[in-house]
């Protein structure tokens, strides 16, 4: 949201911050973080995770070593699909360990 806020940044930054408002988040949440993200510093996602934990919120988190913004790749794709299967369809995702045999 920073690109639309102008300068100087006022109270609006905090009002629109996921970190400052983590306690308000509802529903199912999955954070996907690429270690080498050049768009959003990975520490921002870790700060959000910290606030979610302190607020007693449950969430899933996938940290992808060597990945850039969006953490592209088959591993992330599988994790996202499994998250949606569990939380939208209410079903058990396939056992990935059996697929690798």
PDB file of N, CA and C in Angstrom:
ATOM      1  N   UNK A   1       0.816  -1.208   0.000  1.00  0.00           N
ATOM      2  CA  UNK A   1       0.000   0.000   0.000  1.00  0.00           C
ATOM      3  C   UNK A   1       0.853   1.262   0.000  1.00  0.00           C
ATOM      4  N   UNK A   2       2.143   1.142   0.234  1.00  0.00           N
ATOM      5  CA  UNK A   2       2.998   2.329   0.354  1.00  0.00           C
ATOM      6  C   UNK A   2       3.017   3.188  -0.911  1.00  0.00           C
ATOM      7  N   UNK A   3       2.925   2.575  -2.051  1.00  0.00           N
ATOM      8  CA  UNK A   3       3.065   3.336  -3.282  1.00  0.00           C
ATOM      9  C   UNK A   3       1.948   4.344  -3.494  1.00  0.00           C
ATOM     10  N   UNK A   4       0.809   4.191  -2.815  1.00  0.00           N
ATOM     11  CA  UNK A   4      -0.297   5.127  -2.969  1.00  0.00           C
ATOM     12  C   UNK A   4      -0.423   6.108  -1.803  1.00  0.00           C
ATOM     13  N   UNK A   5       0.453   6.015  -0.832  1.00  0.00           N
ATOM     14  CA  UNK A   5       0.272   6.793   0.386  1.00  0.00           C
ATOM     15  C   UNK A   5       0.855   8.198   0.331  1.00  0.00           C
ATOM     16  N   UNK A   6       1.786   8.427  -0.568  1.00  0.00           N
ATOM     17  CA  UNK A   6       2.379   9.756  -0.628  1.00  0.00           C
ATOM     18  C   UNK A   6       3.338  10.004   0.524  1.00  0.00           C
ATOM     19  N   UNK A   7       3.803  11.234   0.607  1.00  0.00           N
ATOM     20  CA  UNK A   7       4.754  11.611   1.656  1.00  0.00           C
ATOM     21  C   UNK A   7       4.367  12.942   2.230  1.00  0.00           C
ATOM     22  N   UNK A   8       4.443  13.200   3.479  1.00  0.00           N
ATOM     23  CA  UNK A   8       4.874  12.257   4.524  1.00  0.00           C
ATOM     24  C   UNK A   8       3.762  11.251   4.843  1.00  0.00           C
ATOM     25  N   UNK A   9       4.176  10.105   5.380  1.00  0.00           N
ATOM     26  CA  UNK A   9       3.231   9.056   5.742  1.00  0.00           C
ATOM     27  C   UNK A   9       2.634   9.392   7.103  1.00  0.00           C
ATOM     28  N   UNK A  10       1.325   9.361   7.171  1.00  0.00           N
ATOM     29  CA  UNK A  10       0.625   9.677   8.421  1.00  0.00           C
ATOM     30  C   UNK A  10       0.030   8.438   9.063  1.00  0.00           C
ATOM     31  N   UNK A  11      -0.991   8.633   9.838  1.00  0.00           N
ATOM     32  CA  UNK A  11      -1.682   7.570  10.570  1.00  0.00           C
ATOM     33  C   UNK A  11      -2.267   6.525   9.624  1.00  0.00           C
ATOM     34  N   UNK A  12      -2.476   6.904   8.372  1.00  0.00           N
ATOM     35  CA  UNK A  12      -3.058   5.984   7.393  1.00  0.00           C
ATOM     36  C   UNK A  12      -2.210   4.725   7.210  1.00  0.00           C
ATOM     37  N   UNK A  13      -0.900   4.877   7.379  1.00  0.00           N
ATOM     38  CA  UNK A  13      -0.017   3.718   7.216  1.00  0.00           C
ATOM     39  C   UNK A  13      -0.362   2.653   8.253  1.00  0.00           C
ATOM     40  N   UNK A  14      -0.463   3.042   9.492  1.00  0.00           N
ATOM     41  CA  UNK A  14      -0.799   2.100  10.549  1.00  0.00           C
ATOM     42  C   UNK A  14      -2.213   1.557  10.379  1.00  0.00           C
ATOM     43  N   UNK A  15      -3.133   2.409   9.950  1.00  0.00           N
ATOM     44  CA  UNK A  15      -4.519   1.983   9.783  1.00  0.00           C
ATOM     45  C   UNK A  15      -4.666   0.915   8.700  1.00  0.00           C
ATOM     46  N   UNK A  16      -3.778   0.920   7.717  1.00  0.00           N
ATOM     47  CA  UNK A  16      -3.870  -0.054   6.627  1.00  0.00           C
ATOM     48  C   UNK A  16      -2.832  -1.171   6.741  1.00  0.00           C
ATOM     49  N   UNK A  17      -2.090  -1.210   7.830  1.00  0.00           N
ATOM     50  CA  UNK A  17      -1.024  -2.189   8.015  1.00  0.00           C
ATOM     51  C   UNK A  17      -1.576  -3.536   8.492  1.00  0.00           C
ATOM     52  N   UNK A  18      -1.259  -4.613   7.755  1.00  0.00           N
ATOM     53  CA  UNK A  18      -1.651  -5.954   8.191  1.00  0.00           C
ATOM     54  C   UNK A  18      -0.988  -6.296   9.520  1.00  0.00           C
ATOM     55  N   UNK A  19       0.222  -5.809   9.727  1.00  0.00           N
ATOM     56  CA  UNK A  19       0.926  -6.088  10.979  1.00  0.00           C
ATOM     57  C   UNK A  19       0.208  -5.430  12.152  1.00  0.00           C
ATOM     58  N   UNK A  20      -0.120  -4.153  12.010  1.00  0.00           N
ATOM     59  CA  UNK A  20      -0.808  -3.444  13.101  1.00  0.00           C
ATOM     60  C   UNK A  20      -2.234  -3.943  13.323  1.00  0.00           C
ATOM     61  N   UNK A  21      -2.823  -4.541  12.304  1.00  0.00           N
ATOM     62  CA  UNK A  21      -4.210  -4.995  12.395  1.00  0.00           C
ATOM     63  C   UNK A  21      -4.339  -6.512  12.401  1.00  0.00           C
ATOM     64  N   UNK A  22      -3.266  -7.207  12.687  1.00  0.00           N
ATOM     65  CA  UNK A  22      -3.278  -8.675  12.666  1.00  0.00           C
ATOM     66  C   UNK A  22      -4.355  -9.241  13.593  1.00  0.00           C
ATOM     67  N   UNK A  23      -4.591  -8.612  14.697  1.00  0.00           N
ATOM     68  CA  UNK A  23      -5.585  -9.096  15.658  1.00  0.00           C
ATOM     69  C   UNK A  23      -6.998  -9.069  15.084  1.00  0.00           C
ATOM     70  N   UNK A  24      -7.225  -8.321  14.038  1.00  0.00           N
ATOM     71  CA  UNK A  24      -8.550  -8.211  13.419  1.00  0.00           C
ATOM     72  C   UNK A  24      -8.800  -9.257  12.332  1.00  0.00           C
ATOM     73  N   UNK A  25      -7.748  -9.893  11.857  1.00  0.00           N
ATOM     74  CA  UNK A  25      -7.903 -10.851  10.764  1.00  0.00           C
ATOM     75  C   UNK A  25      -8.764 -12.027  11.195  1.00  0.00           C
ATOM     76  N   UNK A  26      -9.594 -12.481  10.266  1.00  0.00           N
ATOM     77  CA  UNK A  26     -10.495 -13.594  10.534  1.00  0.00           C
ATOM     78  C   UNK A  26     -10.402 -14.597   9.401  1.00  0.00           C
ATOM     79  N   UNK A  27     -10.802 -15.810   9.687  1.00  0.00           N
ATOM     80  CA  UNK A  27     -10.802 -16.846   8.667  1.00  0.00           C
ATOM     81  C   UNK A  27      -9.463 -17.544   8.558  1.00  0.00           C
ATOM     82  N   UNK A  28      -9.324 -18.291   7.519  1.00  0.00           N
ATOM     83  CA  UNK A  28      -8.121 -19.080   7.298  1.00  0.00           C
ATOM     84  C   UNK A  28      -7.081 -18.232   6.568  1.00  0.00           C
ATOM     85  N   UNK A  29      -5.827 -18.402   6.960  1.00  0.00           N
ATOM     86  CA  UNK A  29      -4.756 -17.586   6.397  1.00  0.00           C
ATOM     87  C   UNK A  29      -3.527 -18.441   6.147  1.00  0.00           C
ATOM     88  N   UNK A  30      -2.917 -18.228   4.992  1.00  0.00           N
ATOM     89  CA  UNK A  30      -1.651 -18.874   4.676  1.00  0.00           C
ATOM     90  C   UNK A  30      -0.683 -17.798   4.210  1.00  0.00           C
ATOM     91  N   UNK A  31       0.466 -17.719   4.859  1.00  0.00           N
ATOM     92  CA  UNK A  31       1.526 -16.800   4.456  1.00  0.00           C
ATOM     93  C   UNK A  31       2.551 -17.580   3.648  1.00  0.00           C
ATOM     94  N   UNK A  32       2.919 -17.045   2.500  1.00  0.00           N
ATOM     95  CA  UNK A  32       3.953 -17.659   1.667  1.00  0.00           C
ATOM     96  C   UNK A  32       5.082 -16.643   1.536  1.00  0.00           C
ATOM     97  N   UNK A  33       6.271 -17.057   1.936  1.00  0.00           N
ATOM     98  CA  UNK A  33       7.411 -16.142   1.985  1.00  0.00           C
ATOM     99  C   UNK A  33       8.576 -16.706   1.180  1.00  0.00           C
ATOM    100  N   UNK A  34       9.087 -15.902   0.259  1.00  0.00           N
ATOM    101  CA  UNK A  34      10.287 -16.273  -0.471  1.00  0.00           C
ATOM    102  C   UNK A  34      11.504 -15.674   0.229  1.00  0.00           C
ATOM    103  N   UNK A  35      12.486 -16.501   0.506  1.00  0.00           N
ATOM    104  CA  UNK A  35      13.679 -16.055   1.231  1.00  0.00           C
ATOM    105  C   UNK A  35      14.381 -14.884   0.542  1.00  0.00           C
ATOM    106  N   UNK A  36      14.390 -14.866  -0.778  1.00  0.00           N
ATOM    107  CA  UNK A  36      15.130 -13.859  -1.533  1.00  0.00           C
ATOM    108  C   UNK A  36      14.207 -12.810  -2.154  1.00  0.00           C
ATOM    109  N   UNK A  37      13.064 -12.592  -1.556  1.00  0.00           N
ATOM    110  CA  UNK A  37      12.087 -11.634  -2.078  1.00  0.00           C
ATOM    111  C   UNK A  37      12.714 -10.247  -2.166  1.00  0.00           C
ATOM    112  N   UNK A  38      12.691  -9.669  -3.369  1.00  0.00           N
ATOM    113  CA  UNK A  38      13.248  -8.332  -3.574  1.00  0.00           C
ATOM    114  C   UNK A  38      12.154  -7.263  -3.605  1.00  0.00           C
ATOM    115  N   UNK A  39      10.895  -7.681  -3.494  1.00  0.00           N
ATOM    116  CA  UNK A  39       9.778  -6.747  -3.504  1.00  0.00           C
ATOM    117  C   UNK A  39       9.340  -6.416  -2.070  1.00  0.00           C
ATOM    118  N   UNK A  40       9.121  -7.436  -1.263  1.00  0.00           N
ATOM    119  CA  UNK A  40       8.732  -7.269   0.142  1.00  0.00           C
ATOM    120  C   UNK A  40       9.765  -7.994   0.994  1.00  0.00           C
ATOM    121  N   UNK A  41      10.415  -7.267   1.875  1.00  0.00           N
ATOM    122  CA  UNK A  41      11.422  -7.881   2.732  1.00  0.00           C
ATOM    123  C   UNK A  41      10.772  -9.016   3.534  1.00  0.00           C
ATOM    124  N   UNK A  42      11.373 -10.227   3.507  1.00  0.00           N
ATOM    125  CA  UNK A  42      10.806 -11.352   4.254  1.00  0.00           C
ATOM    126  C   UNK A  42      10.581 -11.057   5.736  1.00  0.00           C
ATOM    127  N   UNK A  43      11.331 -10.113   6.289  1.00  0.00           N
ATOM    128  CA  UNK A  43      11.130  -9.780   7.706  1.00  0.00           C
ATOM    129  C   UNK A  43       9.731  -9.220   7.947  1.00  0.00           C
ATOM    130  N   UNK A  44       9.125  -8.617   6.937  1.00  0.00           N
ATOM    131  CA  UNK A  44       7.754  -8.112   7.081  1.00  0.00           C
ATOM    132  C   UNK A  44       6.772  -9.258   7.326  1.00  0.00           C
ATOM    133  N   UNK A  45       6.949 -10.353   6.603  1.00  0.00           N
ATOM    134  CA  UNK A  45       6.077 -11.509   6.797  1.00  0.00           C
ATOM    135  C   UNK A  45       6.313 -12.148   8.154  1.00  0.00           C
ATOM    136  N   UNK A  46       7.569 -12.152   8.595  1.00  0.00           N
ATOM    137  CA  UNK A  46       7.869 -12.709   9.910  1.00  0.00           C
ATOM    138  C   UNK A  46       7.296 -11.820  11.018  1.00  0.00           C
ATOM    139  N   UNK A  47       7.291 -10.508  10.813  1.00  0.00           N
ATOM    140  CA  UNK A  47       6.658  -9.604  11.780  1.00  0.00           C
ATOM    141  C   UNK A  47       5.157  -9.860  11.843  1.00  0.00           C
ATOM    142  N   UNK A  48       4.540 -10.090  10.679  1.00  0.00           N
ATOM    143  CA  UNK A  48       3.114 -10.399  10.656  1.00  0.00           C
ATOM    144  C   UNK A  48       2.848 -11.710  11.381  1.00  0.00           C
ATOM    145  N   UNK A  49       3.664 -12.722  11.131  1.00  0.00           N
ATOM    146  CA  UNK A  49       3.510 -14.001  11.825  1.00  0.00           C
ATOM    147  C   UNK A  49       3.623 -13.812  13.337  1.00  0.00           C
ATOM    148  N   UNK A  50       4.569 -13.006  13.768  1.00  0.00           N
ATOM    149  CA  UNK A  50       4.743 -12.730  15.202  1.00  0.00           C
ATOM    150  C   UNK A  50       3.485 -12.097  15.791  1.00  0.00           C
ATOM    151  N   UNK A  51       2.934 -11.119  15.100  1.00  0.00           N
ATOM    152  CA  UNK A  51       1.714 -10.452  15.593  1.00  0.00           C
ATOM    153  C   UNK A  51       0.521 -11.410  15.605  1.00  0.00           C
ATOM    154  N   UNK A  52       0.433 -12.269  14.599  1.00  0.00           N
ATOM    155  CA  UNK A  52      -0.655 -13.246  14.567  1.00  0.00           C
ATOM    156  C   UNK A  52      -0.551 -14.203  15.751  1.00  0.00           C
ATOM    157  N   UNK A  53       0.659 -14.647  16.043  1.00  0.00           N
ATOM    158  CA  UNK A  53       0.879 -15.538  17.183  1.00  0.00           C
ATOM    159  C   UNK A  53       0.500 -14.837  18.477  1.00  0.00           C
ATOM    160  N   UNK A  54       0.945 -13.600  18.638  1.00  0.00           N
ATOM    161  CA  UNK A  54       0.631 -12.846  19.858  1.00  0.00           C
ATOM    162  C   UNK A  54      -0.866 -12.589  19.994  1.00  0.00           C
ATOM    163  N   UNK A  55      -1.581 -12.519  18.861  1.00  0.00           N
ATOM    164  CA  UNK A  55      -3.027 -12.296  18.884  1.00  0.00           C
ATOM    165  C   UNK A  55      -3.805 -13.611  19.015  1.00  0.00           C
ATOM    166  N   UNK A  56      -3.089 -14.729  19.105  1.00  0.00           N
ATOM    167  CA  UNK A  56      -3.743 -16.025  19.257  1.00  0.00           C
ATOM    168  C   UNK A  56      -4.405 -16.522  17.981  1.00  0.00           C
ATOM    169  N   UNK A  57      -3.935 -16.041  16.841  1.00  0.00           N
ATOM    170  CA  UNK A  57      -4.514 -16.438  15.552  1.00  0.00           C
ATOM    171  C   UNK A  57      -3.805 -17.680  15.019  1.00  0.00           C
ATOM    172  N   UNK A  58      -4.578 -18.543  14.375  1.00  0.00           N
ATOM    173  CA  UNK A  58      -4.014 -19.731  13.751  1.00  0.00           C
ATOM    174  C   UNK A  58      -3.786 -19.433  12.274  1.00  0.00           C
ATOM    175  N   UNK A  59      -2.669 -19.889  11.731  1.00  0.00           N
ATOM    176  CA  UNK A  59      -2.354 -19.657  10.324  1.00  0.00           C
ATOM    177  C   UNK A  59      -1.338 -20.687   9.862  1.00  0.00           C
ATOM    178  N   UNK A  60      -1.237 -20.843   8.566  1.00  0.00           N
ATOM    179  CA  UNK A  60      -0.214 -21.685   7.959  1.00  0.00           C
ATOM    180  C   UNK A  60       0.844 -20.763   7.375  1.00  0.00           C
ATOM    181  N   UNK A  61       2.079 -21.254   7.347  1.00  0.00           N
ATOM    182  CA  UNK A  61       3.154 -20.444   6.782  1.00  0.00           C
ATOM    183  C   UNK A  61       4.103 -21.346   6.012  1.00  0.00           C
ATOM    184  N   UNK A  62       4.448 -20.907   4.809  1.00  0.00           N
ATOM    185  CA  UNK A  62       5.399 -21.630   3.973  1.00  0.00           C
ATOM    186  C   UNK A  62       6.548 -20.673   3.684  1.00  0.00           C
ATOM    187  N   UNK A  63       7.737 -21.054   4.116  1.00  0.00           N
ATOM    188  CA  UNK A  63       8.950 -20.264   3.880  1.00  0.00           C
ATOM    189  C   UNK A  63       9.755 -21.034   2.842  1.00  0.00           C
ATOM    190  N   UNK A  64      10.005 -20.405   1.680  1.00  0.00           N
ATOM    191  CA  UNK A  64      10.645 -21.110   0.577  1.00  0.00           C
ATOM    192  C   UNK A  64      12.077 -20.597   0.381  1.00  0.00           C
ATOM    193  N   UNK A  65      13.082 -21.407   0.744  1.00  0.00           N
ATOM    194  CA  UNK A  65      14.476 -21.005   0.580  1.00  0.00           C
ATOM    195  C   UNK A  65      14.810 -20.697  -0.881  1.00  0.00           C
ATOM    196  N   UNK A  66      15.534 -19.618  -1.099  1.00  0.00           N
ATOM    197  CA  UNK A  66      15.995 -19.250  -2.420  1.00  0.00           C
ATOM    198  C   UNK A  66      14.951 -18.644  -3.343  1.00  0.00           C
ATOM    199  N   UNK A  67      13.694 -18.561  -2.904  1.00  0.00           N
ATOM    200  CA  UNK A  67      12.612 -18.071  -3.770  1.00  0.00           C
ATOM    201  C   UNK A  67      12.484 -16.556  -3.704  1.00  0.00           C
ATOM    202  N   UNK A  68      12.017 -15.986  -4.816  1.00  0.00           N
ATOM    203  CA  UNK A  68      11.769 -14.551  -4.912  1.00  0.00           C
ATOM    204  C   UNK A  68      10.301 -14.269  -4.561  1.00  0.00           C
ATOM    205  N   UNK A  69       9.828 -13.088  -4.867  1.00  0.00           N
ATOM    206  CA  UNK A  69       8.459 -12.654  -4.567  1.00  0.00           C
ATOM    207  C   UNK A  69       7.448 -13.618  -5.196  1.00  0.00           C
ATOM    208  N   UNK A  70       6.491 -14.033  -4.411  1.00  0.00           N
ATOM    209  CA  UNK A  70       5.498 -14.977  -4.890  1.00  0.00           C
ATOM    210  C   UNK A  70       5.928 -16.419  -4.710  1.00  0.00           C
ATOM    211  N   UNK A  71       7.200 -16.629  -4.408  1.00  0.00           N
ATOM    212  CA  UNK A  71       7.756 -17.963  -4.169  1.00  0.00           C
ATOM    213  C   UNK A  71       7.254 -18.975  -5.201  1.00  0.00           C
ATOM    214  N   UNK A  72       7.553 -18.731  -6.492  1.00  0.00           N
ATOM    215  CA  UNK A  72       7.047 -19.644  -7.516  1.00  0.00           C
ATOM    216  C   UNK A  72       7.684 -21.022  -7.411  1.00  0.00           C
ATOM    217  N   UNK A  73       7.027 -21.995  -7.951  1.00  0.00           N
ATOM    218  CA  UNK A  73       7.579 -23.346  -7.989  1.00  0.00           C
ATOM    219  C   UNK A  73       6.550 -24.384  -7.606  1.00  0.00           C
ATOM    220  N   UNK A  74       6.879 -25.633  -7.899  1.00  0.00           N
ATOM    221  CA  UNK A  74       5.953 -26.741  -7.683  1.00  0.00           C
ATOM    222  C   UNK A  74       5.651 -26.946  -6.198  1.00  0.00           C
ATOM    223  N   UNK A  75       6.637 -26.745  -5.329  1.00  0.00           N
ATOM    224  CA  UNK A  75       6.406 -26.941  -3.895  1.00  0.00           C
ATOM    225  C   UNK A  75       5.351 -25.961  -3.384  1.00  0.00           C
ATOM    226  N   UNK A  76       5.511 -24.692  -3.718  1.00  0.00           N
ATOM    227  CA  UNK A  76       4.553 -23.679  -3.284  1.00  0.00           C
ATOM    228  C   UNK A  76       3.184 -23.949  -3.885  1.00  0.00           C
ATOM    229  N   UNK A  77       3.150 -24.329  -5.148  1.00  0.00           N
ATOM    230  CA  UNK A  77       1.875 -24.632  -5.804  1.00  0.00           C
ATOM    231  C   UNK A  77       1.140 -25.761  -5.081  1.00  0.00           C
ATOM    232  N   UNK A  78       1.866 -26.805  -4.733  1.00  0.00           N
ATOM    233  CA  UNK A  78       1.243 -27.925  -4.000  1.00  0.00           C
ATOM    234  C   UNK A  78       0.728 -27.486  -2.632  1.00  0.00           C
ATOM    235  N   UNK A  79       1.528 -26.696  -1.927  1.00  0.00           N
ATOM    236  CA  UNK A  79       1.105 -26.243  -0.598  1.00  0.00           C
ATOM    237  C   UNK A  79      -0.164 -25.389  -0.691  1.00  0.00           C
ATOM    238  N   UNK A  80      -0.222 -24.506  -1.695  1.00  0.00           N
ATOM    239  CA  UNK A  80      -1.412 -23.674  -1.883  1.00  0.00           C
ATOM    240  C   UNK A  80      -2.627 -24.528  -2.247  1.00  0.00           C
ATOM    241  N   UNK A  81      -2.447 -25.460  -3.170  1.00  0.00           N
ATOM    242  CA  UNK A  81      -3.564 -26.334  -3.552  1.00  0.00           C
ATOM    243  C   UNK A  81      -4.062 -27.136  -2.354  1.00  0.00           C
ATOM    244  N   UNK A  82      -3.141 -27.685  -1.569  1.00  0.00           N
ATOM    245  CA  UNK A  82      -3.532 -28.441  -0.378  1.00  0.00           C
ATOM    246  C   UNK A  82      -4.282 -27.559   0.615  1.00  0.00           C
ATOM    247  N   UNK A  83      -3.840 -26.323   0.770  1.00  0.00           N
ATOM    248  CA  UNK A  83      -4.509 -25.378   1.674  1.00  0.00           C
ATOM    249  C   UNK A  83      -5.950 -25.148   1.223  1.00  0.00           C
ATOM    250  N   UNK A  84      -6.143 -24.933  -0.079  1.00  0.00           N
ATOM    251  CA  UNK A  84      -7.489 -24.701  -0.601  1.00  0.00           C
ATOM    252  C   UNK A  84      -8.358 -25.955  -0.504  1.00  0.00           C
ATOM    253  N   UNK A  85      -7.794 -27.109  -0.764  1.00  0.00           N
ATOM    254  CA  UNK A  85      -8.557 -28.365  -0.658  1.00  0.00           C
ATOM    255  C   UNK A  85      -9.057 -28.547   0.770  1.00  0.00           C
ATOM    256  N   UNK A  86      -8.172 -28.302   1.761  1.00  0.00           N
ATOM    257  CA  UNK A  86      -8.558 -28.440   3.169  1.00  0.00           C
ATOM    258  C   UNK A  86      -9.574 -27.389   3.590  1.00  0.00           C
ATOM    259  N   UNK A  87      -9.340 -26.142   3.215  1.00  0.00           N
ATOM    260  CA  UNK A  87     -10.103 -25.038   3.792  1.00  0.00           C
ATOM    261  C   UNK A  87     -11.286 -24.561   2.969  1.00  0.00           C
ATOM    262  N   UNK A  88     -11.349 -24.898   1.703  1.00  0.00           N
ATOM    263  CA  UNK A  88     -12.509 -24.522   0.889  1.00  0.00           C
ATOM    264  C   UNK A  88     -13.362 -25.749   0.591  1.00  0.00           C
ATOM    265  N   UNK A  89     -12.720 -26.829   0.160  1.00  0.00           N
ATOM    266  CA  UNK A  89     -13.481 -28.036  -0.152  1.00  0.00           C
ATOM    267  C   UNK A  89     -13.781 -28.878   1.080  1.00  0.00           C
ATOM    268  N   UNK A  90     -13.001 -28.659   2.160  1.00  0.00           N
ATOM    269  CA  UNK A  90     -13.193 -29.438   3.379  1.00  0.00           C
ATOM    270  C   UNK A  90     -12.788 -30.890   3.221  1.00  0.00           C
ATOM    271  N   UNK A  91     -11.841 -31.153   2.328  1.00  0.00           N
ATOM    272  CA  UNK A  91     -11.382 -32.516   2.077  1.00  0.00           C
ATOM    273  C   UNK A  91      -9.917 -32.666   2.473  1.00  0.00           C
ATOM    274  N   UNK A  92      -9.474 -33.904   2.528  1.00  0.00           N
ATOM    275  CA  UNK A  92      -8.079 -34.186   2.838  1.00  0.00           C
ATOM    276  C   UNK A  92      -7.277 -34.193   1.540  1.00  0.00           C
ATOM    277  N   UNK A  93      -6.212 -33.409   1.467  1.00  0.00           N
ATOM    278  CA  UNK A  93      -5.387 -33.404   0.253  1.00  0.00           C
ATOM    279  C   UNK A  93      -4.718 -34.757   0.050  1.00  0.00           C
ATOM    280  N   UNK A  94      -4.266 -35.029  -1.171  1.00  0.00           N
ATOM    281  CA  UNK A  94      -3.572 -36.292  -1.405  1.00  0.00           C
ATOM    282  C   UNK A  94      -2.300 -36.395  -0.570  1.00  0.00           C
ATOM    283  N   UNK A  95      -1.930 -37.623  -0.237  1.00  0.00           N
ATOM    284  CA  UNK A  95      -0.708 -37.871   0.517  1.00  0.00           C
ATOM    285  C   UNK A  95       0.478 -37.760  -0.441  1.00  0.00           C
ATOM    286  N   UNK A  96       1.221 -36.680  -0.340  1.00  0.00           N
ATOM    287  CA  UNK A  96       2.329 -36.427  -1.267  1.00  0.00           C
ATOM    288  C   UNK A  96       3.460 -37.456  -1.114  1.00  0.00           C
ATOM    289  N   UNK A  97       3.614 -38.010   0.067  1.00  0.00           N
ATOM    290  CA  UNK A  97       4.671 -39.002   0.290  1.00  0.00           C
ATOM    291  C   UNK A  97       4.430 -40.240  -0.582  1.00  0.00           C
ATOM    292  N   UNK A  98       3.170 -40.605  -0.756  1.00  0.00           N
ATOM    293  CA  UNK A  98       2.857 -41.778  -1.582  1.00  0.00           C
ATOM    294  C   UNK A  98       3.119 -41.508  -3.052  1.00  0.00           C
ATOM    295  N   UNK A  99       2.994 -40.245  -3.483  1.00  0.00           N
ATOM    296  CA  UNK A  99       3.218 -39.893  -4.879  1.00  0.00           C
ATOM    297  C   UNK A  99       4.684 -40.037  -5.266  1.00  0.00           C
ATOM    298  N   UNK A 100       5.585 -39.895  -4.296  1.00  0.00           N
ATOM    299  CA  UNK A 100       7.013 -39.890  -4.584  1.00  0.00           C
ATOM    300  C   UNK A 100       7.606 -41.293  -4.647  1.00  0.00           C
ATOM    301  N   UNK A 101       6.820 -42.301  -4.326  1.00  0.00           N
ATOM    302  CA  UNK A 101       7.342 -43.680  -4.306  1.00  0.00           C
ATOM    303  C   UNK A 101       7.277 -44.271  -5.695  1.00  0.00           C
TER     304      UNK A 101
END
